[in-house]
Amino acid sequence: ATPGALATALVQSAWLPIFRALGCQIWAGGRLGLSGAMQLFDDQGNLTDPDSREALRKFIAGFADFAAA
């Protein structure tokens, strides 16, 4: 999550070849970026945007399935 418009897309893309070169088993089930994070989180750091919360729930569920396999 970042305040910018691209979220963390550039950083995520930069790390993928490094993880592959290291032989890491990566989950390629999707990416989650939260652009404009200042509007999505409250002062205590809680994710308050319902659409973002649902996207995060689905993302974590997909990763949990990968990790369990």
Protein backbone atom coordinates (compact mmCIF):
# COMPACT_ATOMS: atom_id res chain seq x y z
CA ALA A 1 0.00 0.00 0.00
CA THR A 2 1.33 3.40 -0.97
CA PRO A 3 -0.03 6.90 -1.31
CA GLY A 4 0.89 6.86 -5.00
CA ALA A 5 -1.18 5.72 -7.96
CA LEU A 6 0.88 2.65 -8.90
CA ALA A 7 0.76 1.04 -5.47
CA THR A 8 3.74 -1.32 -5.31
CA ALA A 9 3.54 -2.65 -8.89
CA LEU A 10 7.06 -1.60 -9.86
CA VAL A 11 8.66 -3.07 -6.74
CA GLN A 12 6.72 -6.32 -7.06
CA SER A 13 7.84 -6.67 -10.68
CA ALA A 14 11.46 -5.94 -9.75
CA TRP A 15 11.58 -8.66 -7.08
CA LEU A 16 10.08 -11.49 -9.18
CA PRO A 17 13.22 -12.26 -11.22
CA ILE A 18 15.33 -12.18 -8.06
CA PHE A 19 13.09 -14.71 -6.32
CA ARG A 20 13.16 -16.92 -9.42
CA ALA A 21 16.97 -16.73 -9.62
CA LEU A 22 17.19 -17.76 -5.98
CA GLY A 23 14.97 -20.77 -6.67
CA CYS A 24 12.18 -19.54 -4.42
CA GLN A 25 8.80 -21.13 -4.74
CA ILE A 26 6.58 -18.14 -5.42
CA TRP A 27 2.83 -17.77 -5.45
CA ALA A 28 1.77 -16.32 -8.76
CA GLY A 29 -1.93 -16.25 -7.97
CA GLY A 30 -2.20 -12.52 -8.25
CA ARG A 31 -1.07 -9.19 -6.98
CA LEU A 32 -2.68 -6.79 -4.60
CA GLY A 33 -1.93 -3.10 -4.69
CA LEU A 34 -3.70 -0.49 -2.63
CA SER A 35 -3.27 2.86 -4.32
CA GLY A 36 -4.12 6.04 -2.46
CA ALA A 37 -3.58 4.33 0.88
CA MET A 38 -4.16 7.50 2.85
CA GLN A 39 -7.86 7.28 1.96
CA LEU A 40 -8.12 3.54 2.65
CA PHE A 41 -6.78 3.41 6.22
CA ASP A 42 -7.88 5.20 9.37
CA ASP A 43 -5.59 6.94 11.86
CA GLN A 44 -4.96 3.65 13.70
CA GLY A 45 -3.87 1.85 10.53
CA ASN A 46 -7.08 -0.13 10.05
CA LEU A 47 -8.12 -0.84 6.48
CA THR A 48 -11.56 0.75 6.29
CA ASP A 49 -12.39 0.63 2.56
CA PRO A 50 -14.85 -2.27 2.00
CA ASP A 51 -13.70 -3.03 -1.57
CA SER A 52 -10.06 -3.12 -0.49
CA ARG A 53 -10.92 -5.31 2.50
CA GLU A 54 -12.66 -7.81 0.21
CA ALA A 55 -9.75 -7.79 -2.25
CA LEU A 56 -7.35 -8.41 0.64
CA ARG A 57 -9.53 -11.24 1.97
CA LYS A 58 -9.50 -12.98 -1.43
CA PHE A 59 -5.76 -12.40 -1.83
CA ILE A 60 -4.95 -13.89 1.56
CA ALA A 61 -7.27 -16.85 0.95
CA GLY A 62 -5.46 -17.59 -2.32
CA PHE A 63 -2.07 -17.39 -0.63
CA ALA A 64 -3.26 -19.60 2.24
CA ASP A 65 -4.34 -22.25 -0.26
CA PHE A 66 -0.91 -22.06 -1.92
CA ALA A 67 0.89 -22.33 1.41
CA ALA A 68 -1.20 -25.31 2.50
CA ALA A 69 -0.45 -27.24 -0.71
